[in-house]
Amino acid sequence: MRALRLALVPILSLGLAGACTGGGGGDQLRITEIEVTGETDFGSLEVEVHLFDALDHTFLGCAGQDHGLEAVDLSDTTYAVSAYFRAPDFDRELDSFDLAGRTIEIQVVEDDDGACPVPPGASDDVIGITAGLDFYAGQTVAFDDVTRLRIAIE
């Protein structure tokens, strides 16, 4: 099973507080660093990061060009960003409570199909899918052609 376990309980118990603008009343989730490799497109890349429930494959949300990833244009370049995840069915940000207790799968794609908050489409190029990583929010991880990805709780 390709899954990423997002362990929020230890992070939340540290008392890391932030503004609560998401739907679940928890702290904000932010992509703070990202780098991909081996990906080209006709011009600049359009990188998106999608979140799924790894057990039932429910699409939870994504971050894309309109959510803080517009600067991610080239492979083999580390980008410091402040990108947020948007829920697919509401005009709001995902927060830590939206993901609490779930095993999360992350899919990073080069978008050629519908833009976020739409799930990846058939013509999107998969850059990486998490594969059984134990992950604590704030830790930098790498998988497939995603050489750096850091998701923080603020």
N, C-alpha and C. Protein backbone atom coordinates (compact mmCIF):
# COMPACT_ATOMS: atom_id res chain seq x y z
N MET A 1 0.85 -1.17 0.00
CA MET A 1 0.00 0.00 0.00
C MET A 1 0.90 1.24 0.00
N ARG A 2 0.59 2.17 -0.88
CA ARG A 2 1.34 3.42 -0.95
C ARG A 2 0.66 4.40 -0.01
N ALA A 3 1.31 4.68 1.09
CA ALA A 3 0.67 5.53 2.07
C ALA A 3 1.70 6.34 2.83
N LEU A 4 1.25 7.42 3.35
CA LEU A 4 2.07 8.27 4.21
C LEU A 4 1.29 8.47 5.49
N ARG A 5 1.87 8.11 6.59
CA ARG A 5 1.18 8.27 7.86
C ARG A 5 1.53 9.65 8.39
N LEU A 6 0.57 10.53 8.43
CA LEU A 6 0.77 11.88 8.92
C LEU A 6 0.43 11.88 10.40
N ALA A 7 1.44 11.83 11.24
CA ALA A 7 1.25 11.71 12.68
C ALA A 7 1.09 13.10 13.28
N LEU A 8 -0.14 13.52 13.46
CA LEU A 8 -0.41 14.87 13.94
C LEU A 8 -0.45 14.95 15.45
N VAL A 9 -0.74 13.86 16.13
CA VAL A 9 -0.90 13.93 17.58
C VAL A 9 0.37 14.44 18.26
N PRO A 10 1.59 13.92 17.95
CA PRO A 10 2.77 14.45 18.62
C PRO A 10 3.00 15.93 18.31
N ILE A 11 2.70 16.36 17.10
CA ILE A 11 2.91 17.76 16.74
C ILE A 11 1.91 18.64 17.46
N LEU A 12 0.65 18.24 17.49
CA LEU A 12 -0.37 19.05 18.16
C LEU A 12 -0.10 19.14 19.66
N SER A 13 0.45 18.07 20.24
CA SER A 13 0.69 18.10 21.67
C SER A 13 1.84 19.02 22.04
N LEU A 14 2.66 19.43 21.06
CA LEU A 14 3.74 20.36 21.33
C LEU A 14 3.22 21.78 21.51
N GLY A 15 1.95 22.01 21.20
CA GLY A 15 1.38 23.33 21.37
C GLY A 15 1.79 24.30 20.29
N LEU A 16 2.06 23.81 19.10
CA LEU A 16 2.40 24.69 17.99
C LEU A 16 1.13 25.37 17.53
N ALA A 17 0.98 26.62 17.86
CA ALA A 17 -0.26 27.33 17.56
C ALA A 17 -0.10 28.18 16.32
N GLY A 18 -1.19 28.41 15.66
CA GLY A 18 -1.21 29.30 14.51
C GLY A 18 -2.62 29.81 14.33
N ALA A 19 -2.79 30.65 13.35
CA ALA A 19 -4.13 31.15 13.04
C ALA A 19 -4.98 29.99 12.56
N CYS A 20 -6.20 29.95 12.96
CA CYS A 20 -7.08 28.84 12.60
C CYS A 20 -8.07 29.31 11.54
N THR A 21 -7.66 29.19 10.28
CA THR A 21 -8.55 29.62 9.21
C THR A 21 -9.13 28.44 8.45
N GLY A 22 -8.73 27.23 8.77
CA GLY A 22 -9.23 26.06 8.07
C GLY A 22 -10.62 25.69 8.54
N GLY A 23 -11.11 24.57 8.03
CA GLY A 23 -12.47 24.18 8.32
C GLY A 23 -12.62 23.39 9.59
N GLY A 24 -11.57 22.69 10.01
CA GLY A 24 -11.69 21.83 11.17
C GLY A 24 -11.33 22.48 12.47
N GLY A 25 -10.86 23.73 12.45
CA GLY A 25 -10.50 24.42 13.67
C GLY A 25 -9.10 24.13 14.16
N GLY A 26 -8.30 23.41 13.37
CA GLY A 26 -6.94 23.09 13.76
C GLY A 26 -5.94 24.09 13.20
N ASP A 27 -4.67 23.78 13.40
CA ASP A 27 -3.60 24.63 12.90
C ASP A 27 -3.48 24.50 11.39
N GLN A 28 -2.89 25.52 10.77
CA GLN A 28 -2.74 25.56 9.31
C GLN A 28 -1.67 24.57 8.84
N LEU A 29 -1.92 23.96 7.70
CA LEU A 29 -0.94 23.12 7.02
C LEU A 29 -0.31 23.95 5.93
N ARG A 30 1.01 23.92 5.84
CA ARG A 30 1.71 24.68 4.81
C ARG A 30 2.81 23.83 4.19
N ILE A 31 2.90 23.86 2.88
CA ILE A 31 4.08 23.33 2.20
C ILE A 31 5.10 24.45 2.28
N THR A 32 6.26 24.18 2.88
CA THR A 32 7.26 25.22 3.05
C THR A 32 8.48 25.02 2.16
N GLU A 33 8.71 23.81 1.68
CA GLU A 33 9.81 23.53 0.75
C GLU A 33 9.38 22.45 -0.22
N ILE A 34 9.83 22.61 -1.46
CA ILE A 34 9.57 21.58 -2.46
C ILE A 34 10.65 21.61 -3.54
N GLU A 35 11.04 20.43 -3.98
CA GLU A 35 11.96 20.28 -5.11
C GLU A 35 11.61 18.98 -5.82
N VAL A 36 11.58 19.03 -7.13
CA VAL A 36 11.35 17.84 -7.94
C VAL A 36 12.51 17.70 -8.92
N THR A 37 12.66 16.51 -9.50
CA THR A 37 13.71 16.28 -10.47
C THR A 37 13.16 15.49 -11.64
N GLY A 38 13.82 15.61 -12.78
CA GLY A 38 13.46 14.80 -13.95
C GLY A 38 12.17 15.19 -14.62
N GLU A 39 11.63 16.36 -14.36
CA GLU A 39 10.35 16.76 -14.93
C GLU A 39 10.54 17.96 -15.85
N THR A 40 9.99 17.85 -17.05
CA THR A 40 10.01 18.96 -17.99
C THR A 40 8.61 19.16 -18.52
N ASP A 41 8.37 20.32 -19.07
CA ASP A 41 7.09 20.63 -19.67
C ASP A 41 7.35 21.67 -20.75
N PHE A 42 6.38 22.09 -21.46
CA PHE A 42 6.53 23.14 -22.46
C PHE A 42 6.55 24.47 -21.74
N GLY A 43 7.71 24.89 -21.27
CA GLY A 43 7.83 26.12 -20.48
C GLY A 43 7.95 25.77 -19.01
N SER A 44 7.30 26.55 -18.17
CA SER A 44 7.38 26.38 -16.72
C SER A 44 6.52 25.21 -16.26
N LEU A 45 6.96 24.56 -15.18
CA LEU A 45 6.18 23.49 -14.58
C LEU A 45 4.95 24.05 -13.88
N GLU A 46 3.95 23.22 -13.74
CA GLU A 46 2.76 23.52 -12.93
C GLU A 46 2.61 22.39 -11.93
N VAL A 47 3.34 22.50 -10.83
CA VAL A 47 3.38 21.43 -9.83
C VAL A 47 2.18 21.56 -8.89
N GLU A 48 1.56 20.42 -8.61
CA GLU A 48 0.47 20.34 -7.63
C GLU A 48 0.77 19.22 -6.65
N VAL A 49 0.35 19.41 -5.40
CA VAL A 49 0.49 18.41 -4.35
C VAL A 49 -0.92 18.05 -3.89
N HIS A 50 -1.27 16.77 -4.04
CA HIS A 50 -2.62 16.28 -3.72
C HIS A 50 -2.58 15.37 -2.51
N LEU A 51 -3.61 15.46 -1.68
CA LEU A 51 -3.74 14.62 -0.49
C LEU A 51 -4.94 13.70 -0.64
N PHE A 52 -4.73 12.42 -0.32
CA PHE A 52 -5.80 11.41 -0.35
C PHE A 52 -5.77 10.64 0.96
N ASP A 53 -6.93 10.14 1.36
CA ASP A 53 -6.99 9.16 2.44
C ASP A 53 -6.47 7.86 1.84
N ALA A 54 -5.40 7.31 2.39
CA ALA A 54 -4.77 6.13 1.82
C ALA A 54 -5.61 4.87 1.96
N LEU A 55 -6.55 4.86 2.90
CA LEU A 55 -7.35 3.66 3.12
C LEU A 55 -8.54 3.56 2.18
N ASP A 56 -9.28 4.65 2.01
CA ASP A 56 -10.45 4.60 1.13
C ASP A 56 -10.30 5.45 -0.12
N HIS A 57 -9.15 6.07 -0.29
CA HIS A 57 -8.77 6.89 -1.44
C HIS A 57 -9.67 8.11 -1.66
N THR A 58 -10.26 8.61 -0.59
CA THR A 58 -11.02 9.85 -0.67
C THR A 58 -10.07 11.00 -0.96
N PHE A 59 -10.42 11.83 -1.94
CA PHE A 59 -9.63 13.01 -2.25
C PHE A 59 -9.90 14.06 -1.19
N LEU A 60 -8.84 14.52 -0.50
CA LEU A 60 -8.99 15.44 0.61
C LEU A 60 -8.72 16.89 0.22
N GLY A 61 -7.86 17.10 -0.76
CA GLY A 61 -7.55 18.46 -1.18
C GLY A 61 -6.20 18.54 -1.85
N CYS A 62 -5.81 19.76 -2.22
CA CYS A 62 -4.56 19.94 -2.95
C CYS A 62 -4.05 21.36 -2.83
N ALA A 63 -2.81 21.53 -3.25
CA ALA A 63 -2.19 22.85 -3.38
C ALA A 63 -1.65 22.94 -4.80
N GLY A 64 -1.85 24.10 -5.42
CA GLY A 64 -1.38 24.28 -6.80
C GLY A 64 -0.97 25.71 -7.06
N GLN A 65 -1.06 26.10 -8.31
CA GLN A 65 -0.62 27.42 -8.75
C GLN A 65 -1.30 28.55 -7.99
N ASP A 66 -2.58 28.43 -7.72
CA ASP A 66 -3.33 29.49 -7.04
C ASP A 66 -3.24 29.42 -5.52
N HIS A 67 -2.46 28.47 -5.01
CA HIS A 67 -2.42 28.24 -3.57
C HIS A 67 -1.00 28.34 -3.00
N GLY A 68 -0.08 28.92 -3.80
CA GLY A 68 1.27 29.17 -3.30
C GLY A 68 2.38 28.42 -4.02
N LEU A 69 2.06 27.63 -5.04
CA LEU A 69 3.09 26.88 -5.76
C LEU A 69 3.42 27.47 -7.13
N GLU A 70 2.96 28.69 -7.41
CA GLU A 70 3.18 29.28 -8.73
C GLU A 70 4.65 29.48 -9.06
N ALA A 71 5.53 29.63 -8.07
CA ALA A 71 6.96 29.86 -8.32
C ALA A 71 7.71 28.58 -8.68
N VAL A 72 7.11 27.42 -8.47
CA VAL A 72 7.80 26.15 -8.72
C VAL A 72 7.77 25.89 -10.22
N ASP A 73 8.83 26.33 -10.90
CA ASP A 73 8.87 26.32 -12.36
C ASP A 73 9.87 25.35 -12.97
N LEU A 74 10.88 24.92 -12.21
CA LEU A 74 11.98 24.14 -12.78
C LEU A 74 12.29 22.93 -11.91
N SER A 75 12.78 21.86 -12.57
CA SER A 75 13.32 20.71 -11.85
C SER A 75 14.66 21.08 -11.23
N ASP A 76 15.04 20.33 -10.21
CA ASP A 76 16.36 20.44 -9.58
C ASP A 76 16.62 21.81 -8.97
N THR A 77 15.57 22.46 -8.51
CA THR A 77 15.66 23.73 -7.82
C THR A 77 14.81 23.64 -6.56
N THR A 78 15.41 23.96 -5.42
CA THR A 78 14.66 23.96 -4.17
C THR A 78 13.92 25.28 -4.03
N TYR A 79 12.62 25.18 -3.79
CA TYR A 79 11.78 26.36 -3.63
C TYR A 79 11.29 26.46 -2.19
N ALA A 80 11.46 27.62 -1.59
CA ALA A 80 10.86 27.94 -0.30
C ALA A 80 9.52 28.60 -0.62
N VAL A 81 8.45 27.99 -0.16
CA VAL A 81 7.10 28.47 -0.49
C VAL A 81 6.27 28.52 0.79
N SER A 82 5.10 29.08 0.68
CA SER A 82 4.11 29.02 1.75
C SER A 82 2.78 28.69 1.07
N ALA A 83 2.65 27.43 0.70
CA ALA A 83 1.47 26.97 -0.05
C ALA A 83 0.50 26.28 0.90
N TYR A 84 -0.78 26.52 0.66
CA TYR A 84 -1.81 25.90 1.50
C TYR A 84 -2.61 24.89 0.69
N PHE A 85 -3.27 23.98 1.41
CA PHE A 85 -4.11 22.97 0.79
C PHE A 85 -5.55 23.44 0.78
N ARG A 86 -6.20 23.30 -0.36
CA ARG A 86 -7.60 23.70 -0.52
C ARG A 86 -8.48 22.46 -0.53
N ALA A 87 -9.56 22.51 0.21
CA ALA A 87 -10.54 21.42 0.22
C ALA A 87 -11.25 21.37 -1.12
N PRO A 88 -11.60 20.18 -1.61
CA PRO A 88 -12.21 20.07 -2.94
C PRO A 88 -13.66 20.53 -3.01
N ASP A 89 -14.38 20.44 -1.91
CA ASP A 89 -15.81 20.69 -1.97
C ASP A 89 -16.24 21.98 -1.26
N PHE A 90 -15.30 22.70 -0.70
CA PHE A 90 -15.60 23.96 -0.03
C PHE A 90 -14.52 24.96 -0.37
N ASP A 91 -14.85 26.22 -0.33
CA ASP A 91 -13.87 27.26 -0.59
C ASP A 91 -13.16 27.59 0.73
N ARG A 92 -12.33 26.66 1.18
CA ARG A 92 -11.61 26.84 2.44
C ARG A 92 -10.32 26.03 2.42
N GLU A 93 -9.44 26.38 3.36
CA GLU A 93 -8.19 25.65 3.52
C GLU A 93 -8.42 24.40 4.35
N LEU A 94 -7.63 23.36 4.05
CA LEU A 94 -7.56 22.20 4.94
C LEU A 94 -6.73 22.60 6.14
N ASP A 95 -6.98 21.99 7.28
CA ASP A 95 -6.13 22.22 8.44
C ASP A 95 -5.80 20.89 9.10
N SER A 96 -5.06 20.95 10.19
CA SER A 96 -4.57 19.73 10.84
C SER A 96 -5.71 18.82 11.30
N PHE A 97 -6.84 19.38 11.73
CA PHE A 97 -7.96 18.55 12.17
C PHE A 97 -8.59 17.78 11.02
N ASP A 98 -8.54 18.33 9.80
CA ASP A 98 -9.09 17.64 8.64
C ASP A 98 -8.35 16.34 8.35
N LEU A 99 -7.09 16.26 8.78
CA LEU A 99 -6.27 15.08 8.49
C LEU A 99 -6.03 14.19 9.71
N ALA A 100 -6.41 14.65 10.89
CA ALA A 100 -6.15 13.91 12.12
C ALA A 100 -6.76 12.51 12.06
N GLY A 101 -5.97 11.53 12.44
CA GLY A 101 -6.44 10.15 12.50
C GLY A 101 -6.46 9.44 11.16
N ARG A 102 -6.04 10.09 10.11
CA ARG A 102 -6.05 9.48 8.77
C ARG A 102 -4.64 9.06 8.37
N THR A 103 -4.55 8.02 7.57
CA THR A 103 -3.32 7.68 6.88
C THR A 103 -3.39 8.40 5.54
N ILE A 104 -2.38 9.20 5.25
CA ILE A 104 -2.42 10.10 4.10
C ILE A 104 -1.50 9.63 2.99
N GLU A 105 -2.00 9.65 1.78
CA GLU A 105 -1.19 9.44 0.59
C GLU A 105 -1.00 10.80 -0.07
N ILE A 106 0.23 11.11 -0.43
CA ILE A 106 0.53 12.36 -1.13
C ILE A 106 0.90 12.03 -2.57
N GLN A 107 0.28 12.73 -3.51
CA GLN A 107 0.62 12.60 -4.93
C GLN A 107 1.08 13.97 -5.42
N VAL A 108 2.28 14.02 -6.00
CA VAL A 108 2.80 15.25 -6.58
C VAL A 108 2.77 15.05 -8.09
N VAL A 109 2.16 16.00 -8.81
CA VAL A 109 2.00 15.87 -10.26
C VAL A 109 2.40 17.17 -10.95
N GLU A 110 2.73 17.03 -12.23
CA GLU A 110 2.86 18.18 -13.12
C GLU A 110 1.52 18.25 -13.82
N ASP A 111 0.81 19.34 -13.59
CA ASP A 111 -0.59 19.45 -13.99
C ASP A 111 -0.74 19.77 -15.47
N ASP A 112 -1.45 18.91 -16.18
CA ASP A 112 -1.83 19.16 -17.57
C ASP A 112 -3.34 19.08 -17.72
N ASP A 113 -4.02 18.62 -16.70
CA ASP A 113 -5.47 18.45 -16.71
C ASP A 113 -6.11 19.57 -15.91
N GLY A 114 -7.23 19.34 -15.29
CA GLY A 114 -7.92 20.37 -14.50
C GLY A 114 -7.09 20.84 -13.32
N ALA A 115 -7.13 22.14 -13.06
CA ALA A 115 -6.34 22.72 -11.98
C ALA A 115 -6.95 22.42 -10.61
N CYS A 116 -6.11 22.39 -9.60
CA CYS A 116 -6.52 22.23 -8.22
C CYS A 116 -7.63 23.23 -7.91
N PRO A 117 -8.72 22.80 -7.29
CA PRO A 117 -8.89 21.66 -6.41
C PRO A 117 -9.46 20.40 -7.05
N VAL A 118 -9.22 20.19 -8.31
CA VAL A 118 -9.63 18.97 -8.99
C VAL A 118 -8.56 17.90 -8.76
N PRO A 119 -8.94 16.64 -8.50
CA PRO A 119 -7.94 15.57 -8.34
C PRO A 119 -7.11 15.40 -9.61
N PRO A 120 -5.96 14.75 -9.52
CA PRO A 120 -5.15 14.54 -10.71
C PRO A 120 -5.95 13.83 -11.81
N GLY A 121 -5.64 14.20 -13.05
CA GLY A 121 -6.32 13.61 -14.19
C GLY A 121 -5.41 12.70 -14.99
N ALA A 122 -5.97 12.07 -16.00
CA ALA A 122 -5.24 11.09 -16.81
C ALA A 122 -4.05 11.69 -17.55
N SER A 123 -4.11 12.95 -17.91
CA SER A 123 -2.99 13.54 -18.65
C SER A 123 -1.98 14.26 -17.75
N ASP A 124 -2.19 14.24 -16.43
CA ASP A 124 -1.19 14.79 -15.50
C ASP A 124 -0.01 13.83 -15.42
N ASP A 125 1.19 14.39 -15.29
CA ASP A 125 2.39 13.58 -15.15
C ASP A 125 2.67 13.37 -13.66
N VAL A 126 2.71 12.12 -13.23
CA VAL A 126 3.00 11.81 -11.84
C VAL A 126 4.49 12.01 -11.60
N ILE A 127 4.82 12.84 -10.61
CA ILE A 127 6.20 13.07 -10.22
C ILE A 127 6.56 12.15 -9.06
N GLY A 128 5.62 11.96 -8.15
CA GLY A 128 5.87 11.06 -7.02
C GLY A 128 4.62 10.78 -6.23
N ILE A 129 4.59 9.56 -5.67
CA ILE A 129 3.51 9.14 -4.77
C ILE A 129 4.19 8.54 -3.55
N THR A 130 3.75 8.96 -2.37
CA THR A 130 4.36 8.43 -1.15
C THR A 130 4.21 6.93 -1.08
N ALA A 131 5.21 6.30 -0.50
CA ALA A 131 5.23 4.84 -0.43
C ALA A 131 5.59 4.38 0.97
N GLY A 132 4.60 4.34 1.86
CA GLY A 132 4.78 3.78 3.19
C GLY A 132 5.76 4.51 4.08
N LEU A 133 5.84 5.83 3.97
CA LEU A 133 6.74 6.60 4.82
C LEU A 133 6.06 6.91 6.14
N ASP A 134 6.79 6.77 7.24
CA ASP A 134 6.30 7.29 8.51
C ASP A 134 6.75 8.73 8.57
N PHE A 135 5.85 9.64 8.74
CA PHE A 135 6.10 11.05 8.56
C PHE A 135 5.53 11.85 9.71
N TYR A 136 6.30 12.76 10.20
CA TYR A 136 5.81 13.71 11.19
C TYR A 136 5.80 15.08 10.53
N ALA A 137 4.72 15.80 10.62
CA ALA A 137 4.60 17.10 9.98
C ALA A 137 5.79 17.96 10.39
N GLY A 138 6.39 18.59 9.40
CA GLY A 138 7.56 19.43 9.63
C GLY A 138 8.85 18.76 9.21
N GLN A 139 8.82 17.46 9.02
CA GLN A 139 10.00 16.72 8.57
C GLN A 139 10.08 16.80 7.05
N THR A 140 11.28 16.98 6.51
CA THR A 140 11.47 16.98 5.07
C THR A 140 11.57 15.54 4.59
N VAL A 141 10.79 15.20 3.56
CA VAL A 141 10.78 13.84 3.02
C VAL A 141 11.10 13.87 1.53
N ALA A 142 11.47 12.71 1.00
CA ALA A 142 11.72 12.55 -0.43
C ALA A 142 11.13 11.21 -0.86
N PHE A 143 10.59 11.15 -2.07
CA PHE A 143 10.02 9.92 -2.62
C PHE A 143 9.94 10.08 -4.14
N ASP A 144 10.18 8.99 -4.84
CA ASP A 144 10.17 8.98 -6.31
C ASP A 144 10.99 10.16 -6.84
N ASP A 145 10.42 11.01 -7.69
CA ASP A 145 11.15 12.17 -8.23
C ASP A 145 10.87 13.46 -7.46
N VAL A 146 10.33 13.33 -6.26
CA VAL A 146 10.19 14.46 -5.35
C VAL A 146 11.41 14.38 -4.43
N THR A 147 12.36 15.30 -4.62
CA THR A 147 13.60 15.23 -3.85
C THR A 147 13.52 15.96 -2.51
N ARG A 148 12.56 16.86 -2.36
CA ARG A 148 12.30 17.56 -1.09
C ARG A 148 10.83 17.93 -1.01
N LEU A 149 10.24 17.63 0.12
CA LEU A 149 8.88 18.10 0.40
C LEU A 149 8.78 18.25 1.91
N ARG A 150 8.42 19.44 2.33
CA ARG A 150 8.22 19.71 3.75
C ARG A 150 6.84 20.30 3.94
N ILE A 151 6.04 19.63 4.76
CA ILE A 151 4.71 20.12 5.12
C ILE A 151 4.74 20.41 6.61
N ALA A 152 4.49 21.67 6.95
CA ALA A 152 4.56 22.10 8.35
C ALA A 152 3.16 22.42 8.87
N ILE A 153 3.03 22.35 10.18
CA ILE A 153 1.82 22.78 10.86
C ILE A 153 2.18 24.08 11.56
N GLU A 154 1.45 25.14 11.22
CA GLU A 154 1.77 26.47 11.78
C GLU A 154 0.64 26.97 12.64
